[in-house]
Amino acid sequence: MTLNSSKRHTRDRLISGCIIALTFGWSSHSDVSESAEIALKQSAKDAITDCIRNEYQAKRNFHVNGHALNESQSENVEWVRKCVVPVLRVSHSDAPALAARATWWALREGILDMPKDKIHRYSNCHEHGRDRRRSDIPLYRCGGSIWQVGMAAIQVNNYPDKYVAGMVDKVLGPVEAGINVTDALEMSAELAGFRPGSKVYDAIVRSTGKLRKSWLLRNPLIGMPIVQNQEVLVECFKQNKKWCYTSGWLSAKYFGASRRSMLKSIQDLTRIYQQP
């Protein structure tokens, strides 16, 4: 299906604009010329077209906070560089830094250790006193209060349904009239590898309640801007919460053992995302 098709799939509608606009930490491109804005939007369109296919490979070794990233970490960082940053550039004047903050959170949580073909399905439910990976059960409804999902490593229960739905409007509303939560769910399902028309794809799109919210947050274009706001900017940067810094597991030791290592990691990731 091409972009010029008169009856486009949601993916094509998403590709047609791709403006992200959140209320915290965002700024407009009022000083950008019309031609530059068109170029930014085209770059975003190209990014979404290619990235739904999940085909990007890391072309070089990345180093963050003095540590060489492993293969999966490098592939996922490259995916964000190719697939998320170009979309954020449309409406945010410092998209590399925004993406870097979200990436740091996922990196220290250990989520970027996952292979790129599994990360968009990631689901970890804390039930009966232990963590239980439910990534291979896409329609699983976590009954616990701790449920982490997606590339953003975001907690489903941290955000009310209305807040997430409202954020979808702010993120996708400027893209094209009629874009809504269903469109965001369709993109999430495709990124996770479920083909349009398949049983799982249709079930994700028709999902309700916490399951629906979990799949909205598994969309990196929604989950990453949200997590960099609440978990990173508010809880770590401003409130300096104790859980922001730990060395309890390897990735946390490398990238989040202290405020200094957090800031250095984000600085290094920002530089990576500033590269063409």
Protein backbone atom coordinates (compact mmCIF):
# COMPACT_ATOMS: atom_id res chain seq x y z
CA MET A 1 0.00 0.00 0.00
CA THR A 2 1.46 3.37 -0.97
CA LEU A 3 1.19 6.75 0.70
CA ASN A 4 -0.95 8.01 -2.17
CA SER A 5 -3.55 5.30 -1.76
CA SER A 6 -7.04 6.72 -1.34
CA LYS A 7 -7.79 4.25 1.42
CA ARG A 8 -4.73 4.18 3.62
CA HIS A 9 -3.92 1.89 6.52
CA THR A 10 -3.30 3.56 9.88
CA ARG A 11 0.43 3.19 9.39
CA ASP A 12 0.19 5.31 6.26
CA ARG A 13 -1.91 7.90 8.06
CA LEU A 14 0.67 8.06 10.80
CA ILE A 15 3.40 8.45 8.22
CA SER A 16 1.57 11.41 6.66
CA GLY A 17 2.50 13.81 9.43
CA CYS A 18 4.21 12.74 12.63
CA ILE A 19 4.17 15.78 14.89
CA ILE A 20 4.73 15.09 18.59
CA ALA A 21 3.58 17.74 21.07
CA LEU A 22 3.76 17.17 24.82
CA THR A 23 3.20 19.81 27.45
CA PHE A 24 6.30 19.30 29.61
CA GLY A 25 9.75 20.00 28.30
CA TRP A 26 8.67 20.71 24.75
CA SER A 27 9.20 23.73 22.56
CA SER A 28 7.90 24.75 19.17
CA HIS A 29 9.75 25.33 15.93
CA SER A 30 8.28 28.78 15.37
CA ASP A 31 11.58 30.01 13.97
CA VAL A 32 11.90 27.21 11.44
CA SER A 33 11.25 28.10 7.81
CA GLU A 34 8.43 26.43 5.94
CA SER A 35 10.83 24.52 3.73
CA ALA A 36 12.80 23.29 6.76
CA GLU A 37 9.59 22.18 8.43
CA ILE A 38 8.59 20.23 5.32
CA ALA A 39 12.00 18.54 5.34
CA LEU A 40 11.62 17.60 9.02
CA LYS A 41 8.20 16.10 8.38
CA GLN A 42 9.46 14.14 5.40
CA SER A 43 12.27 12.75 7.52
CA ALA A 44 9.71 11.68 10.11
CA LYS A 45 7.58 10.02 7.43
CA ASP A 46 10.56 8.09 6.13
CA ALA A 47 11.54 7.05 9.64
CA ILE A 48 8.15 5.57 10.48
CA THR A 49 7.86 3.86 7.10
CA ASP A 50 11.19 2.10 7.57
CA CYS A 51 11.00 1.52 11.30
CA ILE A 52 7.76 -0.38 11.40
CA ARG A 53 9.72 -2.98 9.44
CA ASN A 54 12.25 -3.01 12.30
CA GLU A 55 15.15 -3.43 9.90
CA TYR A 56 17.85 -1.15 11.30
CA GLN A 57 21.22 -2.55 12.31
CA ALA A 58 23.84 -0.84 14.44
CA LYS A 59 26.61 0.36 12.14
CA ARG A 60 29.17 1.10 14.82
CA ASN A 61 30.03 0.38 18.41
CA PHE A 62 28.57 2.81 20.92
CA HIS A 63 30.15 3.77 24.23
CA VAL A 64 28.11 5.18 27.10
CA ASN A 65 29.57 6.28 30.44
CA GLY A 66 32.84 4.61 29.51
CA HIS A 67 31.26 1.25 28.72
CA ALA A 68 30.95 -0.38 25.30
CA LEU A 69 27.35 -1.29 24.58
CA ASN A 70 26.69 -4.92 23.72
CA GLU A 71 25.12 -5.94 20.43
CA SER A 72 21.50 -5.73 21.53
CA GLN A 73 22.02 -2.43 23.34
CA SER A 74 23.72 -0.96 20.28
CA GLU A 75 20.97 -2.16 17.94
CA ASN A 76 18.28 -0.64 20.14
CA VAL A 77 20.10 2.66 20.54
CA GLU A 78 20.51 2.77 16.77
CA TRP A 79 16.80 2.05 16.38
CA VAL A 80 15.95 5.04 18.57
CA ARG A 81 18.41 7.19 16.61
CA LYS A 82 16.85 6.20 13.30
CA CYS A 83 13.21 5.80 14.29
CA VAL A 84 12.37 8.05 17.24
CA VAL A 85 14.67 11.08 17.02
CA PRO A 86 13.62 12.10 13.47
CA VAL A 87 9.98 12.14 14.56
CA LEU A 88 10.72 14.14 17.70
CA ARG A 89 12.68 16.67 15.66
CA VAL A 90 9.46 17.82 13.99
CA SER A 91 8.19 19.58 17.11
CA HIS A 92 10.99 19.56 19.65
CA SER A 93 14.02 21.78 19.39
CA ASP A 94 16.18 19.41 21.44
CA ALA A 95 14.93 16.00 20.38
CA PRO A 96 18.29 14.21 20.91
CA ALA A 97 18.31 15.14 24.62
CA LEU A 98 14.68 14.07 25.09
CA ALA A 99 15.36 10.71 23.45
CA ALA A 100 18.59 10.33 25.44
CA ARG A 101 16.76 10.72 28.76
CA ALA A 102 14.23 8.06 27.80
CA THR A 103 16.97 5.77 26.50
CA TRP A 104 18.99 6.12 29.70
CA TRP A 105 16.00 4.91 31.71
CA ALA A 106 15.53 1.85 29.49
CA LEU A 107 19.28 1.17 29.41
CA ARG A 108 19.73 1.20 33.20
CA GLU A 109 16.59 -0.90 33.59
CA GLY A 110 18.20 -3.55 31.37
CA ILE A 111 15.43 -3.48 28.75
CA LEU A 112 17.77 -2.56 25.90
CA ASP A 113 19.52 -5.89 26.42
CA MET A 114 16.54 -7.48 24.68
CA PRO A 115 16.82 -8.38 20.96
CA LYS A 116 15.20 -5.77 18.74
CA ASP A 117 12.63 -8.29 17.46
CA LYS A 118 11.28 -8.82 21.00
CA ILE A 119 11.60 -5.48 22.74
CA HIS A 120 8.30 -4.00 21.50
CA ARG A 121 6.46 -6.98 23.03
CA TYR A 122 8.19 -6.63 26.39
CA SER A 123 5.91 -7.17 29.36
CA ASN A 124 7.03 -7.87 32.93
CA CYS A 125 4.31 -8.39 35.55
CA HIS A 126 5.09 -8.54 39.27
CA GLU A 127 2.65 -11.05 40.73
CA HIS A 128 2.60 -13.23 43.82
CA GLY A 129 5.86 -11.77 45.06
CA ARG A 130 7.94 -12.23 41.91
CA ASP A 131 8.54 -10.83 38.44
CA ARG A 132 7.01 -12.83 35.61
CA ARG A 133 7.89 -12.15 31.98
CA ARG A 134 4.71 -12.17 29.88
CA SER A 135 6.20 -10.91 26.61
CA ASP A 136 5.15 -14.09 24.80
CA ILE A 137 1.55 -13.68 25.96
CA PRO A 138 0.59 -10.44 24.20
CA LEU A 139 -2.95 -10.38 25.56
CA TYR A 140 -1.96 -11.03 29.17
CA ARG A 141 -3.59 -8.72 31.70
CA CYS A 142 -1.30 -8.17 34.67
CA GLY A 143 -3.18 -8.28 37.94
CA GLY A 144 -0.35 -6.80 39.96
CA SER A 145 0.38 -3.17 40.72
CA ILE A 146 3.84 -3.30 39.10
CA TRP A 147 3.72 -3.83 35.34
CA GLN A 148 6.59 -2.66 33.14
CA VAL A 149 6.23 -2.68 29.37
CA GLY A 150 7.82 -1.72 26.09
CA MET A 151 11.09 -0.21 24.92
CA ALA A 152 10.47 2.72 27.28
CA ALA A 153 10.45 0.38 30.32
CA ILE A 154 7.43 2.29 31.54
CA GLN A 155 5.11 1.38 34.41
CA VAL A 156 1.53 0.89 33.23
CA ASN A 157 -0.01 1.69 36.61
CA ASN A 158 1.79 5.02 37.01
CA TYR A 159 -0.59 6.72 34.58
CA PRO A 160 -4.40 6.93 34.59
CA ASP A 161 -6.21 5.80 31.46
CA LYS A 162 -7.41 9.34 30.72
CA TYR A 163 -3.89 10.72 31.00
CA VAL A 164 -2.51 8.22 28.49
CA ALA A 165 -5.43 8.69 26.12
CA GLY A 166 -5.01 12.45 26.39
CA MET A 167 -1.32 12.13 25.65
CA VAL A 168 -2.13 10.14 22.53
CA ASP A 169 -4.26 13.07 21.38
CA LYS A 170 -1.41 15.50 22.00
CA VAL A 171 1.13 13.26 20.29
CA LEU A 172 -0.88 12.16 17.26
CA GLY A 173 -3.64 14.75 17.04
CA PRO A 174 -1.55 17.24 15.03
CA VAL A 175 -0.60 14.55 12.54
CA GLU A 176 -3.89 14.32 10.69
CA ALA A 177 -7.55 14.85 11.48
CA GLY A 178 -9.09 11.66 12.80
CA ILE A 179 -5.94 10.07 14.21
CA ASN A 180 -6.86 8.51 17.54
CA VAL A 181 -6.07 5.84 20.13
CA THR A 182 -6.98 3.06 17.71
CA ASP A 183 -4.34 4.29 15.28
CA ALA A 184 -1.70 4.27 18.01
CA LEU A 185 -2.66 0.71 18.96
CA GLU A 186 -2.37 -0.43 15.36
CA MET A 187 1.14 0.98 15.16
CA SER A 188 2.06 -0.73 18.45
CA ALA A 189 0.82 -4.06 17.14
CA GLU A 190 2.79 -3.73 13.91
CA LEU A 191 5.98 -2.77 15.72
CA ALA A 192 5.55 -5.88 17.86
CA GLY A 193 5.45 -7.98 14.70
CA PHE A 194 1.75 -8.74 14.41
CA ARG A 195 0.40 -8.46 10.89
CA PRO A 196 -2.71 -6.40 10.18
CA GLY A 197 -5.70 -8.69 10.14
CA SER A 198 -4.15 -11.34 12.36
CA LYS A 199 -6.02 -12.48 15.47
CA VAL A 200 -3.52 -10.95 17.89
CA TYR A 201 -3.33 -7.68 15.95
CA ASP A 202 -7.12 -7.33 15.97
CA ALA A 203 -7.28 -8.26 19.67
CA ILE A 204 -4.72 -5.57 20.55
CA VAL A 205 -6.66 -2.94 18.62
CA ARG A 206 -9.93 -3.96 20.32
CA SER A 207 -8.40 -4.31 23.79
CA THR A 208 -9.75 -2.47 26.81
CA GLY A 209 -8.66 -1.33 30.25
CA LYS A 210 -5.11 -1.92 31.47
CA LEU A 211 -4.27 -4.13 28.50
CA ARG A 212 -5.20 -1.35 26.10
CA LYS A 213 -3.15 1.16 28.08
CA SER A 214 -0.18 -1.21 28.15
CA TRP A 215 -0.17 -1.44 24.35
CA LEU A 216 -0.43 2.31 23.99
CA LEU A 217 2.63 2.70 26.22
CA ARG A 218 4.48 0.02 24.24
CA ASN A 219 4.47 2.44 21.31
CA PRO A 220 7.89 4.17 21.69
CA LEU A 221 6.53 7.41 20.24
CA ILE A 222 4.22 7.58 23.25
CA GLY A 223 6.02 5.65 25.99
CA MET A 224 9.43 7.28 25.59
CA PRO A 225 8.29 10.93 25.79
CA ILE A 226 6.17 10.08 28.83
CA VAL A 227 8.89 8.18 30.71
CA GLN A 228 11.52 10.86 30.12
CA ASN A 229 9.14 13.34 31.67
CA GLN A 230 7.91 11.63 34.83
CA GLU A 231 10.56 9.06 35.68
CA VAL A 232 13.63 10.98 34.52
CA LEU A 233 12.98 14.74 34.59
CA VAL A 234 10.66 14.79 37.60
CA GLU A 235 11.76 11.88 39.79
CA CYS A 236 15.48 11.71 38.97
CA PHE A 237 16.53 15.19 37.84
CA LYS A 238 14.32 17.27 40.13
CA GLN A 239 13.36 15.07 43.08
CA ASN A 240 16.56 12.99 43.13
CA LYS A 241 14.67 9.86 44.19
CA LYS A 242 16.82 7.13 45.70
CA TRP A 243 15.60 4.49 43.24
CA CYS A 244 17.11 6.45 40.35
CA TYR A 245 20.57 5.31 41.39
CA THR A 246 21.45 1.69 42.05
CA SER A 247 24.11 -0.87 41.24
CA GLY A 248 21.95 -3.88 41.94
CA TRP A 249 22.33 -5.30 38.43
CA LEU A 250 24.95 -4.92 35.71
CA SER A 251 23.28 -2.30 33.49
CA ALA A 252 22.35 -0.23 36.54
CA LYS A 253 25.94 -0.45 37.78
CA TYR A 254 27.26 0.72 34.42
CA PHE A 255 24.78 3.50 33.71
CA GLY A 256 22.85 4.44 36.87
CA ALA A 257 24.94 3.87 39.98
CA SER A 258 25.04 7.59 40.78
CA ARG A 259 23.72 10.93 39.63
CA ARG A 260 27.06 11.55 37.96
CA SER A 261 26.85 8.33 35.93
CA MET A 262 23.26 9.17 34.97
CA LEU A 263 24.23 12.61 33.68
CA LYS A 264 27.29 11.29 31.84
CA SER A 265 25.24 8.50 30.23
CA ILE A 266 22.59 10.95 29.06
CA GLN A 267 25.28 13.26 27.72
CA ASP A 268 26.86 10.43 25.73
CA LEU A 269 23.49 9.29 24.38
CA THR A 270 22.63 12.85 23.38
CA ARG A 271 25.82 13.04 21.35
CA ILE A 272 24.95 9.76 19.64
CA TYR A 273 21.50 11.09 18.74
CA GLN A 274 22.94 14.32 17.41
CA GLN A 275 24.84 12.39 14.74
CA PRO A 276 23.35 12.31 11.23
